[in-house]
Amino acid sequence: MIARARTRAWLAPGLACALLLLAGCGSGDEAAIPAAPSAVAAASAVAGDPDVLLEAQALTVLDQPVRYPKKKAAEITSEILALDPGQETGWHKYRTPLYAYILEGTLTVEYDAGVIKEFAAGTALIDAMNVWLNGSNRTDAPVRVLMVHLGAAGVTNSVKRP
């Protein structure tokens, strides 16, 4: 069974990276967000230099440009996807950018048109948008994935295939 645990806690460094990506995007009507760089600098001063998981990523895993929903207030949701051996997510697609970090195991993702990619523990990525995909655990060990949806108010982050 797929277990999802929602959290509102700051999930550094993945969420910090996602927030920095969002801070530089939008319709241009929003006020600048000066707190993000200083918050990251403060974390670095306390914890030392951060391990960079994903830096200046502008393309998804299928080489699509990352596009944010426009003219809507930013809304970030995070969850942990857990797949036991043999489990699948079911076919779905993301309508908003998804930052994912493989916490444990190896996730296999099949994309429409037969493209298959494997992501091992420690991999950070921006998943494909508006492309049907199915994640699965084809190993004999558990898979856990931190998923951070970089969405917008009133926009559904993902939809299941009918």
N, C-alpha and C. Protein backbone atom coordinates (compact mmCIF):
# COMPACT_ATOMS: atom_id res chain seq x y z
N MET A 1 0.85 -1.18 0.00
CA MET A 1 0.00 0.00 0.00
C MET A 1 0.89 1.25 0.00
N ILE A 2 0.49 2.28 -0.72
CA ILE A 2 1.25 3.52 -0.78
C ILE A 2 0.95 4.32 0.46
N ALA A 3 2.00 4.70 1.18
CA ALA A 3 1.83 5.51 2.39
C ALA A 3 2.35 6.89 2.11
N ARG A 4 1.59 7.90 2.44
CA ARG A 4 2.02 9.28 2.24
C ARG A 4 1.90 10.00 3.57
N ALA A 5 2.99 10.65 3.95
CA ALA A 5 2.99 11.41 5.20
C ALA A 5 3.18 12.87 4.86
N ARG A 6 2.18 13.68 5.10
CA ARG A 6 2.29 15.12 4.84
C ARG A 6 2.98 15.79 6.00
N THR A 7 3.76 16.82 5.69
CA THR A 7 4.47 17.53 6.75
C THR A 7 4.52 19.00 6.42
N ARG A 8 4.50 19.81 7.44
CA ARG A 8 4.67 21.25 7.27
C ARG A 8 6.04 21.69 7.76
N ALA A 9 6.80 20.77 8.27
CA ALA A 9 8.12 21.11 8.78
C ALA A 9 9.02 21.47 7.61
N TRP A 10 10.00 22.34 7.86
CA TRP A 10 10.97 22.68 6.83
C TRP A 10 11.84 21.47 6.58
N LEU A 11 11.91 21.05 5.35
CA LEU A 11 12.67 19.87 4.98
C LEU A 11 13.92 20.30 4.22
N ALA A 12 14.89 20.77 4.95
CA ALA A 12 16.14 21.23 4.34
C ALA A 12 16.95 20.02 3.94
N PRO A 13 17.74 20.03 2.90
CA PRO A 13 17.95 21.17 2.01
C PRO A 13 17.02 21.20 0.82
N GLY A 14 16.23 20.14 0.59
CA GLY A 14 15.38 20.07 -0.58
C GLY A 14 14.37 21.19 -0.66
N LEU A 15 13.68 21.48 0.44
CA LEU A 15 12.68 22.53 0.42
C LEU A 15 13.33 23.89 0.26
N ALA A 16 14.48 24.09 0.86
CA ALA A 16 15.18 25.36 0.70
C ALA A 16 15.49 25.60 -0.77
N CYS A 17 15.92 24.57 -1.47
CA CYS A 17 16.21 24.67 -2.90
C CYS A 17 14.93 25.02 -3.66
N ALA A 18 13.83 24.35 -3.33
CA ALA A 18 12.57 24.60 -3.99
C ALA A 18 12.10 26.03 -3.76
N LEU A 19 12.24 26.52 -2.54
CA LEU A 19 11.84 27.90 -2.24
C LEU A 19 12.68 28.91 -3.00
N LEU A 20 13.95 28.65 -3.13
CA LEU A 20 14.80 29.55 -3.90
C LEU A 20 14.40 29.56 -5.37
N LEU A 21 14.02 28.40 -5.91
CA LEU A 21 13.55 28.35 -7.29
C LEU A 21 12.28 29.18 -7.44
N LEU A 22 11.35 29.04 -6.49
CA LEU A 22 10.10 29.80 -6.57
C LEU A 22 10.31 31.30 -6.36
N ALA A 23 11.26 31.66 -5.54
CA ALA A 23 11.50 33.08 -5.24
C ALA A 23 11.88 33.85 -6.49
N GLY A 24 12.52 33.20 -7.43
CA GLY A 24 12.95 33.87 -8.65
C GLY A 24 11.92 33.79 -9.76
N CYS A 25 10.76 33.20 -9.52
CA CYS A 25 9.76 33.01 -10.57
C CYS A 25 8.48 33.73 -10.21
N GLY A 26 7.59 33.80 -11.18
CA GLY A 26 6.28 34.40 -10.96
C GLY A 26 5.94 35.34 -12.08
N SER A 27 4.84 36.03 -11.93
CA SER A 27 4.36 36.89 -12.99
C SER A 27 5.01 38.26 -12.97
N GLY A 28 5.80 38.55 -11.97
CA GLY A 28 6.44 39.85 -11.88
C GLY A 28 5.64 40.82 -11.06
N ASP A 29 4.40 40.47 -10.71
CA ASP A 29 3.55 41.35 -9.92
C ASP A 29 3.81 41.21 -8.42
N GLU A 30 4.46 40.13 -8.02
CA GLU A 30 4.68 39.88 -6.61
C GLU A 30 5.83 40.74 -6.09
N ALA A 31 5.78 41.03 -4.80
CA ALA A 31 6.88 41.76 -4.17
C ALA A 31 8.08 40.83 -4.07
N ALA A 32 9.27 41.39 -4.10
CA ALA A 32 10.49 40.58 -3.95
C ALA A 32 10.49 39.93 -2.58
N ILE A 33 11.15 38.77 -2.49
CA ILE A 33 11.20 38.04 -1.23
C ILE A 33 12.64 38.03 -0.75
N PRO A 34 13.06 39.06 0.02
CA PRO A 34 14.44 39.14 0.43
C PRO A 34 14.83 38.16 1.51
N ALA A 35 13.86 37.55 2.19
CA ALA A 35 14.20 36.68 3.32
C ALA A 35 14.84 35.37 2.89
N ALA A 36 14.54 34.86 1.70
CA ALA A 36 15.05 33.54 1.29
C ALA A 36 16.57 33.47 1.28
N PRO A 37 17.30 34.39 0.61
CA PRO A 37 18.75 34.27 0.63
C PRO A 37 19.35 34.40 2.03
N SER A 38 18.82 35.30 2.85
CA SER A 38 19.39 35.46 4.18
C SER A 38 19.09 34.25 5.06
N ALA A 39 17.93 33.61 4.85
CA ALA A 39 17.60 32.40 5.61
C ALA A 39 18.57 31.28 5.24
N VAL A 40 18.89 31.16 3.97
CA VAL A 40 19.84 30.14 3.53
C VAL A 40 21.22 30.46 4.08
N ALA A 41 21.60 31.71 4.04
CA ALA A 41 22.91 32.11 4.56
C ALA A 41 22.99 31.81 6.06
N ALA A 42 21.91 32.06 6.77
CA ALA A 42 21.91 31.78 8.21
C ALA A 42 22.05 30.29 8.47
N ALA A 43 21.36 29.47 7.67
CA ALA A 43 21.47 28.02 7.84
C ALA A 43 22.89 27.56 7.55
N SER A 44 23.53 28.14 6.54
CA SER A 44 24.90 27.77 6.20
C SER A 44 25.85 28.12 7.32
N ALA A 45 25.63 29.27 7.94
CA ALA A 45 26.53 29.71 9.01
C ALA A 45 26.42 28.77 10.21
N VAL A 46 25.24 28.26 10.47
CA VAL A 46 25.04 27.38 11.61
C VAL A 46 25.49 25.96 11.31
N ALA A 47 25.14 25.46 10.14
CA ALA A 47 25.37 24.06 9.82
C ALA A 47 26.61 23.84 8.95
N GLY A 48 27.30 24.88 8.57
CA GLY A 48 28.41 24.72 7.64
C GLY A 48 27.89 24.78 6.22
N ASP A 49 28.74 24.51 5.28
CA ASP A 49 28.33 24.56 3.88
C ASP A 49 27.34 23.44 3.60
N PRO A 50 26.22 23.77 2.94
CA PRO A 50 25.22 22.74 2.64
C PRO A 50 25.70 21.82 1.51
N ASP A 51 25.22 20.59 1.52
CA ASP A 51 25.44 19.70 0.39
C ASP A 51 24.43 20.07 -0.68
N VAL A 52 24.90 20.45 -1.85
CA VAL A 52 24.01 20.85 -2.94
C VAL A 52 23.41 19.59 -3.56
N LEU A 53 22.09 19.51 -3.59
CA LEU A 53 21.41 18.36 -4.17
C LEU A 53 21.00 18.62 -5.60
N LEU A 54 20.61 19.83 -5.88
CA LEU A 54 20.16 20.23 -7.21
C LEU A 54 20.45 21.71 -7.33
N GLU A 55 21.15 22.11 -8.37
CA GLU A 55 21.53 23.52 -8.47
C GLU A 55 21.13 24.09 -9.82
N ALA A 56 20.38 25.17 -9.78
CA ALA A 56 19.98 25.91 -10.98
C ALA A 56 19.37 25.00 -12.05
N GLN A 57 18.55 24.07 -11.62
CA GLN A 57 17.93 23.13 -12.56
C GLN A 57 16.83 23.84 -13.31
N ALA A 58 16.91 23.88 -14.63
CA ALA A 58 15.91 24.54 -15.44
C ALA A 58 15.12 23.57 -16.31
N LEU A 59 15.52 22.28 -16.30
CA LEU A 59 14.86 21.27 -17.12
C LEU A 59 14.39 20.11 -16.26
N THR A 60 13.32 19.45 -16.71
CA THR A 60 12.83 18.26 -16.04
C THR A 60 13.69 17.06 -16.46
N VAL A 61 13.38 15.89 -15.92
CA VAL A 61 14.11 14.68 -16.28
C VAL A 61 13.93 14.31 -17.74
N LEU A 62 12.92 14.85 -18.40
CA LEU A 62 12.70 14.62 -19.83
C LEU A 62 13.10 15.84 -20.66
N ASP A 63 13.95 16.68 -20.10
CA ASP A 63 14.49 17.87 -20.77
C ASP A 63 13.44 18.88 -21.19
N GLN A 64 12.36 18.97 -20.43
CA GLN A 64 11.35 20.00 -20.65
C GLN A 64 11.74 21.22 -19.82
N PRO A 65 11.47 22.43 -20.29
CA PRO A 65 11.71 23.61 -19.44
C PRO A 65 10.76 23.57 -18.24
N VAL A 66 11.26 23.93 -17.06
CA VAL A 66 10.41 24.01 -15.87
C VAL A 66 9.50 25.22 -16.02
N ARG A 67 8.19 25.01 -15.86
CA ARG A 67 7.22 26.09 -15.98
C ARG A 67 6.34 26.10 -14.74
N TYR A 68 6.18 27.30 -14.18
CA TYR A 68 5.36 27.46 -12.99
C TYR A 68 3.98 27.97 -13.38
N PRO A 69 2.95 27.62 -12.59
CA PRO A 69 1.62 28.19 -12.85
C PRO A 69 1.71 29.72 -12.74
N LYS A 70 1.00 30.42 -13.62
CA LYS A 70 1.08 31.88 -13.64
C LYS A 70 -0.14 32.52 -13.01
N LYS A 71 0.10 33.70 -12.46
CA LYS A 71 -0.96 34.56 -11.91
C LYS A 71 -1.75 33.91 -10.78
N LYS A 72 -1.12 33.00 -10.06
CA LYS A 72 -1.74 32.38 -8.89
C LYS A 72 -0.75 32.48 -7.74
N ALA A 73 -1.26 32.52 -6.54
CA ALA A 73 -0.39 32.56 -5.37
C ALA A 73 0.33 31.21 -5.23
N ALA A 74 1.62 31.27 -4.93
CA ALA A 74 2.42 30.05 -4.77
C ALA A 74 1.88 29.23 -3.61
N GLU A 75 1.92 27.92 -3.78
CA GLU A 75 1.46 26.99 -2.75
C GLU A 75 2.35 25.75 -2.81
N ILE A 76 3.07 25.49 -1.75
CA ILE A 76 4.01 24.37 -1.72
C ILE A 76 3.45 23.28 -0.82
N THR A 77 3.47 22.06 -1.33
CA THR A 77 3.00 20.90 -0.60
C THR A 77 4.11 19.86 -0.62
N SER A 78 4.34 19.21 0.52
CA SER A 78 5.35 18.15 0.54
C SER A 78 4.74 16.88 1.10
N GLU A 79 5.29 15.77 0.67
CA GLU A 79 4.84 14.47 1.14
C GLU A 79 5.96 13.46 0.95
N ILE A 80 5.84 12.35 1.63
CA ILE A 80 6.79 11.26 1.45
C ILE A 80 6.02 10.09 0.86
N LEU A 81 6.46 9.66 -0.31
CA LEU A 81 5.88 8.51 -0.99
C LEU A 81 6.66 7.28 -0.55
N ALA A 82 5.96 6.25 -0.12
CA ALA A 82 6.60 4.99 0.28
C ALA A 82 6.02 3.88 -0.58
N LEU A 83 6.91 3.12 -1.23
CA LEU A 83 6.50 1.98 -2.05
C LEU A 83 7.21 0.73 -1.55
N ASP A 84 6.45 -0.28 -1.22
CA ASP A 84 7.03 -1.57 -0.87
C ASP A 84 7.42 -2.28 -2.17
N PRO A 85 8.25 -3.32 -2.07
CA PRO A 85 8.62 -4.06 -3.28
C PRO A 85 7.39 -4.49 -4.08
N GLY A 86 7.44 -4.25 -5.39
CA GLY A 86 6.35 -4.62 -6.27
C GLY A 86 5.23 -3.60 -6.40
N GLN A 87 5.21 -2.57 -5.58
CA GLN A 87 4.13 -1.58 -5.64
C GLN A 87 4.38 -0.55 -6.73
N GLU A 88 3.29 0.05 -7.21
CA GLU A 88 3.32 1.10 -8.22
C GLU A 88 2.47 2.28 -7.77
N THR A 89 2.74 3.43 -8.34
CA THR A 89 1.95 4.62 -8.03
C THR A 89 0.66 4.67 -8.83
N GLY A 90 0.63 4.00 -9.97
CA GLY A 90 -0.48 4.14 -10.91
C GLY A 90 -0.15 5.29 -11.87
N TRP A 91 -0.72 5.24 -13.05
CA TRP A 91 -0.43 6.26 -14.07
C TRP A 91 -1.03 7.59 -13.66
N HIS A 92 -0.22 8.63 -13.74
CA HIS A 92 -0.64 9.98 -13.38
C HIS A 92 0.30 10.97 -14.08
N LYS A 93 -0.03 12.26 -13.99
CA LYS A 93 0.87 13.29 -14.51
C LYS A 93 0.84 14.49 -13.59
N TYR A 94 1.95 15.22 -13.59
CA TYR A 94 2.09 16.42 -12.75
C TYR A 94 1.75 17.64 -13.58
N ARG A 95 0.91 18.49 -13.02
CA ARG A 95 0.52 19.73 -13.69
C ARG A 95 1.36 20.90 -13.21
N THR A 96 2.10 20.69 -12.12
CA THR A 96 2.98 21.72 -11.55
C THR A 96 4.36 21.09 -11.36
N PRO A 97 5.40 21.89 -11.22
CA PRO A 97 6.73 21.31 -11.02
C PRO A 97 6.79 20.47 -9.74
N LEU A 98 7.52 19.36 -9.83
CA LEU A 98 7.70 18.48 -8.69
C LEU A 98 9.19 18.27 -8.47
N TYR A 99 9.67 18.70 -7.30
CA TYR A 99 11.04 18.39 -6.85
C TYR A 99 10.94 17.09 -6.08
N ALA A 100 11.77 16.13 -6.43
CA ALA A 100 11.77 14.84 -5.72
C ALA A 100 13.19 14.51 -5.29
N TYR A 101 13.30 13.89 -4.11
CA TYR A 101 14.58 13.43 -3.59
C TYR A 101 14.38 12.00 -3.12
N ILE A 102 15.16 11.09 -3.68
CA ILE A 102 15.03 9.68 -3.32
C ILE A 102 15.74 9.46 -1.99
N LEU A 103 14.96 9.21 -0.96
CA LEU A 103 15.49 9.02 0.38
C LEU A 103 16.06 7.61 0.58
N GLU A 104 15.40 6.63 -0.04
CA GLU A 104 15.76 5.24 0.21
C GLU A 104 15.36 4.40 -1.00
N GLY A 105 16.19 3.45 -1.38
CA GLY A 105 15.87 2.50 -2.44
C GLY A 105 16.09 3.07 -3.83
N THR A 106 15.52 2.38 -4.81
CA THR A 106 15.61 2.79 -6.22
C THR A 106 14.21 2.85 -6.79
N LEU A 107 13.83 4.02 -7.29
CA LEU A 107 12.53 4.23 -7.90
C LEU A 107 12.68 4.09 -9.41
N THR A 108 11.81 3.30 -10.01
CA THR A 108 11.77 3.17 -11.47
C THR A 108 10.53 3.92 -11.94
N VAL A 109 10.71 4.78 -12.95
CA VAL A 109 9.59 5.55 -13.49
C VAL A 109 9.49 5.28 -14.98
N GLU A 110 8.29 4.85 -15.39
CA GLU A 110 8.03 4.68 -16.82
C GLU A 110 7.20 5.87 -17.28
N TYR A 111 7.68 6.53 -18.33
CA TYR A 111 6.99 7.68 -18.90
C TYR A 111 6.30 7.24 -20.19
N ASP A 112 5.25 7.96 -20.57
CA ASP A 112 4.58 7.68 -21.83
C ASP A 112 5.62 7.55 -22.94
N ALA A 113 5.32 6.81 -23.95
CA ALA A 113 6.22 6.56 -25.08
C ALA A 113 7.33 5.58 -24.71
N GLY A 114 7.19 4.89 -23.56
CA GLY A 114 8.12 3.83 -23.23
C GLY A 114 9.45 4.22 -22.63
N VAL A 115 9.66 5.48 -22.31
CA VAL A 115 10.90 5.91 -21.67
C VAL A 115 10.89 5.44 -20.22
N ILE A 116 11.96 4.74 -19.80
CA ILE A 116 12.06 4.26 -18.42
C ILE A 116 13.34 4.81 -17.81
N LYS A 117 13.20 5.37 -16.59
CA LYS A 117 14.36 5.91 -15.87
C LYS A 117 14.37 5.34 -14.46
N GLU A 118 15.59 5.11 -13.95
CA GLU A 118 15.76 4.66 -12.57
C GLU A 118 16.45 5.75 -11.78
N PHE A 119 15.98 5.96 -10.55
CA PHE A 119 16.53 6.97 -9.67
C PHE A 119 16.90 6.32 -8.35
N ALA A 120 18.18 6.32 -8.02
CA ALA A 120 18.69 5.67 -6.80
C ALA A 120 18.65 6.64 -5.63
N ALA A 121 18.74 6.09 -4.42
CA ALA A 121 18.80 6.90 -3.21
C ALA A 121 19.87 7.96 -3.35
N GLY A 122 19.55 9.18 -2.91
CA GLY A 122 20.48 10.30 -3.00
C GLY A 122 20.32 11.13 -4.26
N THR A 123 19.40 10.74 -5.14
CA THR A 123 19.16 11.48 -6.38
C THR A 123 18.11 12.55 -6.15
N ALA A 124 18.39 13.77 -6.63
CA ALA A 124 17.43 14.87 -6.62
C ALA A 124 17.04 15.14 -8.06
N LEU A 125 15.76 15.47 -8.30
CA LEU A 125 15.31 15.68 -9.67
C LEU A 125 14.07 16.55 -9.72
N ILE A 126 13.83 17.10 -10.90
CA ILE A 126 12.57 17.76 -11.20
C ILE A 126 11.86 16.83 -12.18
N ASP A 127 10.71 16.31 -11.78
CA ASP A 127 10.04 15.30 -12.61
C ASP A 127 9.34 15.96 -13.81
N ALA A 128 9.00 15.12 -14.78
CA ALA A 128 8.34 15.57 -16.02
C ALA A 128 6.99 16.17 -15.70
N MET A 129 6.59 17.12 -16.53
CA MET A 129 5.28 17.76 -16.38
C MET A 129 4.40 17.43 -17.58
N ASN A 130 3.11 17.23 -17.30
CA ASN A 130 2.11 16.99 -18.34
C ASN A 130 2.45 15.80 -19.23
N VAL A 131 3.10 14.80 -18.63
CA VAL A 131 3.43 13.55 -19.31
C VAL A 131 2.96 12.43 -18.38
N TRP A 132 2.21 11.47 -18.91
CA TRP A 132 1.77 10.36 -18.08
C TRP A 132 2.97 9.55 -17.63
N LEU A 133 2.96 9.14 -16.34
CA LEU A 133 4.06 8.37 -15.79
C LEU A 133 3.55 7.42 -14.72
N ASN A 134 4.34 6.38 -14.48
CA ASN A 134 4.00 5.40 -13.45
C ASN A 134 5.28 5.05 -12.70
N GLY A 135 5.31 5.34 -11.41
CA GLY A 135 6.46 5.00 -10.58
C GLY A 135 6.29 3.62 -9.99
N SER A 136 7.40 2.89 -9.86
CA SER A 136 7.29 1.55 -9.28
C SER A 136 8.56 1.19 -8.51
N ASN A 137 8.40 0.22 -7.64
CA ASN A 137 9.52 -0.34 -6.90
C ASN A 137 9.75 -1.74 -7.45
N ARG A 138 10.77 -1.88 -8.28
CA ARG A 138 11.08 -3.17 -8.91
C ARG A 138 12.18 -3.92 -8.16
N THR A 139 12.46 -3.49 -6.93
CA THR A 139 13.51 -4.12 -6.14
C THR A 139 12.89 -4.90 -4.99
N ASP A 140 13.75 -5.47 -4.15
CA ASP A 140 13.24 -6.20 -2.98
C ASP A 140 13.42 -5.38 -1.70
N ALA A 141 13.68 -4.09 -1.85
CA ALA A 141 13.86 -3.19 -0.70
C ALA A 141 12.85 -2.04 -0.80
N PRO A 142 12.47 -1.43 0.33
CA PRO A 142 11.52 -0.31 0.30
C PRO A 142 12.08 0.90 -0.45
N VAL A 143 11.17 1.69 -1.00
CA VAL A 143 11.51 2.96 -1.66
C VAL A 143 10.77 4.06 -0.90
N ARG A 144 11.50 5.15 -0.61
CA ARG A 144 10.88 6.34 0.01
C ARG A 144 11.37 7.56 -0.75
N VAL A 145 10.42 8.43 -1.11
CA VAL A 145 10.73 9.60 -1.92
C VAL A 145 10.11 10.83 -1.27
N LEU A 146 10.93 11.85 -1.02
CA LEU A 146 10.42 13.16 -0.60
C LEU A 146 9.94 13.86 -1.86
N MET A 147 8.68 14.28 -1.86
CA MET A 147 8.11 14.97 -3.01
C MET A 147 7.66 16.36 -2.58
N VAL A 148 8.15 17.37 -3.28
CA VAL A 148 7.78 18.75 -2.99
C VAL A 148 7.13 19.33 -4.24
N HIS A 149 5.81 19.54 -4.14
CA HIS A 149 5.05 20.10 -5.25
C HIS A 149 5.17 21.62 -5.21
N LEU A 150 5.66 22.21 -6.28
CA LEU A 150 5.81 23.67 -6.38
C LEU A 150 4.60 24.20 -7.14
N GLY A 151 3.48 24.22 -6.44
CA GLY A 151 2.21 24.51 -7.08
C GLY A 151 1.70 25.91 -6.88
N ALA A 152 0.41 26.05 -7.08
CA ALA A 152 -0.25 27.34 -6.96
C ALA A 152 -1.66 27.11 -6.41
N ALA A 153 -2.15 28.11 -5.71
CA ALA A 153 -3.50 28.03 -5.13
C ALA A 153 -4.51 27.75 -6.23
N GLY A 154 -5.37 26.75 -6.01
CA GLY A 154 -6.42 26.43 -6.96
C GLY A 154 -5.99 25.56 -8.13
N VAL A 155 -4.72 25.14 -8.17
CA VAL A 155 -4.23 24.29 -9.26
C VAL A 155 -3.93 22.91 -8.67
N THR A 156 -4.53 21.88 -9.24
CA THR A 156 -4.28 20.52 -8.79
C THR A 156 -2.87 20.11 -9.22
N ASN A 157 -2.06 19.63 -8.28
CA ASN A 157 -0.66 19.28 -8.59
C ASN A 157 -0.54 18.08 -9.52
N SER A 158 -1.37 17.05 -9.32
CA SER A 158 -1.29 15.88 -10.19
C SER A 158 -2.68 15.33 -10.45
N VAL A 159 -2.79 14.62 -11.55
CA VAL A 159 -4.06 13.99 -11.91
C VAL A 159 -3.79 12.54 -12.28
N LYS A 160 -4.73 11.67 -11.95
CA LYS A 160 -4.63 10.24 -12.29
C LYS A 160 -5.18 10.01 -13.69
N ARG A 161 -4.61 9.03 -14.36
CA ARG A 161 -5.08 8.67 -15.70
C ARG A 161 -6.46 8.05 -15.56
N PRO A 162 -7.42 8.50 -16.39
CA PRO A 162 -8.78 7.95 -16.31
C PRO A 162 -8.83 6.50 -16.77
